[in-house]
Structures are given as C-alpha cells and as structure tokens.
C-alpha cells in the first residue's frame, strides 16, 4: 500500500502501530511462512466476543448479497414502472465497476486506520441509497441510489477480513465459510421476498418494499458493527498515526492508475454488453483507455513503487492461484445468475416467485454445506482438497446443465443442485488461502484485491456470456421458427410479422396474422423453445473451460505451507488471548467448562479496549 521506505525488502514501506508491536509473533509466522509444527497446547479459546465480532462482519456480507441480488432481480420491474429501458443494464453494473476499481484501496487503507469507521461510513451511504431507490419517481434517482450502494460493496474486503482477524488462523476456513453462508442467506431472502412481493404487488409497493428491506439490512449491519466489532487498541496507535498513513503511506498514484484502468476497461465491457456497438468509439475508447491504465500501473509497480497498491509481498504462488480462482468464480457464478433464471422463465415458469424458488436448489445447498466444509478445514487444516472437490462438483453441475432440454424440467434443477454443492467451497476457501499467504499488515488489501478480481470476473462474464448467447439466438431463433412455421403451412409473406409477434410475446398480433392458425403457432412456439435451449447451451459451454482451468489451478497450491500457516495466532483480537493450555494449568481438566468471561475482561499491559477501531 505504501512507499516511504527505500529498503522495501527489509520491512513494509509504512507500518502503522497496529501492525508492529513487541507482542507480535515471530516474523516468519506473521508473514504467512512455515513456522513449524502447531502445538495443540497453544489452542486459543474463542470467546463470545470474537464470535459476535465475526457475526457482525458476516451481517455485512448478508446485507451485501441481498442488495446485489436485488439490483439485478428488480431492474426489469423498475423499468416497467418508471421507464428508461435503455439504461436498465446500469442498475446492477454501476456498483460492480466502482467496486472493482477501488475495493482494494478501501480495504488496504482500513488495514492501517481501522475498519470500523470505514465500514460504518460506507454502509451508511448505502443505507441512504436504498432509501433513495425506494422513494424514486424517475430512473435518474434509481441510478443515483444504485451507485450509492458502492459504499457497501467497496468494503467487501473488510467484511471478510473481520472474521479472519478476530478468529485464530486455525479457524480461517470456518470463519470465511460462515460469512459465505450469511451471503447465501441474503440471496435466499432476496429471491423469495422480492419474488413474492413483486408478484402480489401489495398496496402498490411492489419492488419499493424490497429496497426498504435492504435499508433495514444495512441498518442491522451498522448496529452490530457498532456494538460488537471492538478490536483491542495497541499502544502507540492514535488518530495522528492514521492521518500520517493517509498522508504519506498510501500509494495514491498507483490507486488512481488501478481505478482508471479497471474502471474504464469494465465500463467498456458494460457498454458493449448493454446494446452499444462493440465497434463504436465509446466502447473502443474506454477499452483502450483501460488498457493504457493497466500498462501505466504495471510500469509504476515495476520501476517506481514495488510496495504500492499491488504490493509485491502479495504475489506468492498461493495468492496468485487464489486471485485467478476468484476471477473464475465470479465469471461462472454470473453464468448461474444470468442463464438459469432466464432459461426457467423462457421454458418452464412465468411467475417470478416460482422462478426464484427454483434457485433454492443452488443457494440452500451452498449455504448449508459451506459451514460443514469450514468445520472440516478447522479440524484437518486442509484447504487444497476441498477446493479440488468443490470445483469438480461445479464442473459436473455445469455439464448436466448443458444436457437440459425444453422437456427435461428437472435436469437443470439437478445440475443446479450439484453446482450449489460445489459453489459452497471456492469463494470462502480461496479467501482463506490468500489471507494465509500474505503478510498480516496486508490482510484487508489481500481480500480487497480478491474482491476486485471477482468483480472483474463478473463484469467480464456478463459481457462475454451475453455476447455468446445473443449471437447464437439471433441466428437460430429466426431460422428454426421460420422453418417450422413454413413447414406447418404459414404463407411466406406472413413470416416476418409472425416472427416478430412470436418472439415479443404479442398474442393479439399473432392471431391477426394471415394464415396463422393455432396449430402453426403451437409448432412455431415449440421450435422457438428449442432455439432458446440451444442458445443457453452455448452459454453453459462458454463457462465450462473456465471451471476446468480453475480446477487445474488448485493443484498448484502448496498444501504443506497452508497447513503450517493455520496456527492459533489471532491477528487482531477483540479480547485478550486465552490459551487452552493455560486454562488447563490453572483450572485442571474441567477447564473446558470454565467460563472465560472474567478472563476476557482482563486487559494486558499495553492494550486497551477501543470501540472506535
């Protein structure tokens, strides 16, 4: 993150008091290197304060996933009420671009100045944005409110860093899977609440009530953070040291180049995937501008500041594998969101609520399985083989999805169910792998960069998958429908009007077309479904190679190093650390039943409780 010290290889360029204390563990452990055998006598007792702090971070994940689902799921209904179909695609994409551009900077700064105020400030902005959307009377207000949700999403690195830093490293996989399960819960509630509310349209509230619910979720996260995320302040840490870091320690030039490169490039992809010609000056200009920003950032990182926004200490082998995995996870996850609902709506269901219910096969499975995988990693210190199993299940699920037909109603649900098992693993454990592989003073920056990689994967996925699907459906749909209708006896002069009416769902126009009988309409509708299924298959085919590459990349992980890094070290405790061995010595074998509340209240010399960090 910083660039004050020329001897970058000896120590980080800027180290806040929060990351350098006399009580720190040996450097080899602090920097995520192999430190020898883990001693079970050093087991840390995880008290209620640590769990509540971890839950406060997970509540942010819950709120974020709910809102992310809502922005995409309600966009069509907002357009139906307020108009502005030409900008519909921007409702779910605004925050993604902003997040990918500055999530790393936000989390990296919070590593040194404290996460609490950064998180509460960002979520407060998102809370106001939710209220703006709920009260919007025009599309401009909706877009403003959607952009304000970036205040929440740029802090995703901080969401996942809280469980990582308040729980022991041994719990790293468990803490991250619990956070991911909270996200799955947010998606489940978002799917069902939005689907049922929009379907019923009670009192004319429709989609507006879903954003009121989103505002309440934001408020809940703020309250939990305020009361339960209270990491201990280390001696020497002060507001002045925080301001000094922001003034001298942040690589502002590198942050600007990353934001410009990522923002412009993803903006170009979004423009191209929302109807603007890929050959237009606007799309080509932003894509080239983004590429130039990336090139300038690379030169800056190589020749000017090696410990800048993309600190070279991050780039271990395990971190690189985790970053690539997060990019792919974002890509293939977007395929699920983009195609499954659309495929279901086209072939099987028309009611929003029932369409969303089918998604339960994915999110219930991933939400329930994730903590079980986390418990396994806490017991075995094994992250590599669960990742292999997870990606393998994702791959199998996608293969099944490519075999679904217009008549095989349950095949796609089965594929989604198996993919849900697989998706319970990658995101959480990839976060854990990267967090273990990087220095402790870069914990938030590490997670923020993974979030940025995932956001980039989602945006690239949205552009690529939509382009593949649209290119295919524009060819096969007219061809198959025309062939079927002509074969059933439709006059050739009626084909253009018939095709337009059928593909737009205009039943009134269909019945008035010369020669269009009910039998011809039925035959043509069957042909249209087959054309859509074939086009969806190409979308699933596109995602398959990425899942295969992610699976193969896991074999590059150093599993031995991961196990050695899963010690009982607590990066940023919310209560003085109590070891199980010390309790055994003090209270005997029954110490596992002894309440440690009084011990949590003991404040060791040099550390004081701080509610402002």
Foldseek 3Di string as FASTA:
>chain_A
DFFQDPPCVVDHNDDAPLFDDPPDDDPCLQFLWFDDDFDQLQFFDQDPLLVLQLVLLLLLLLLLLLVLLLQLLCLVVCCVQANDLLCSLLSNCLLLLQLLQQLLVLQLLCLRQNVLVLQLVLLVQLLVLLLQCLPDNHVVSSNVSSNSNNSSRSPNLVSLVRNVQAAFLLLQLLSLLLSVLSSLVSNLCSQQVLLVCLLVCPPVSRSSVSSVVSSVSSVVSSVSSLPRVWFWDFPPHDPVSSVCCVVHTAPVVLSVLSSQLSSLLLVLLSCVLSDHPCPDPSNVVSNVRSVVSVVVSVCCCPPPGVCHSVNPLLDDLLLVLLLLLLLLLLLVVLLCVPQQLVLCCLQPDVRSNVSSVLLCLQSVLLSVCLSVVSVVCSVVVFQLVLLLVLLVLLLQLLVQLLPDASPNPCSNSVSSNSNSNSVSRSPSSSLSSSQSNGRLSSSSSSSSVSSSSSSSSNSNSSSVLSVQLVVQLVPQLLVQLLVQLVVVPADPVQSVQCSVCLVVVPVVSQVPGPPRDPVSSVRSSSSNRRSNSNSSSSSSVVSNVSSVVSSVSSVSDDRVSSSSSSHRDNNTHQFPIDGPSVQCVVPNPCSVVDDCVVVRPDDDPRIGIGSPD
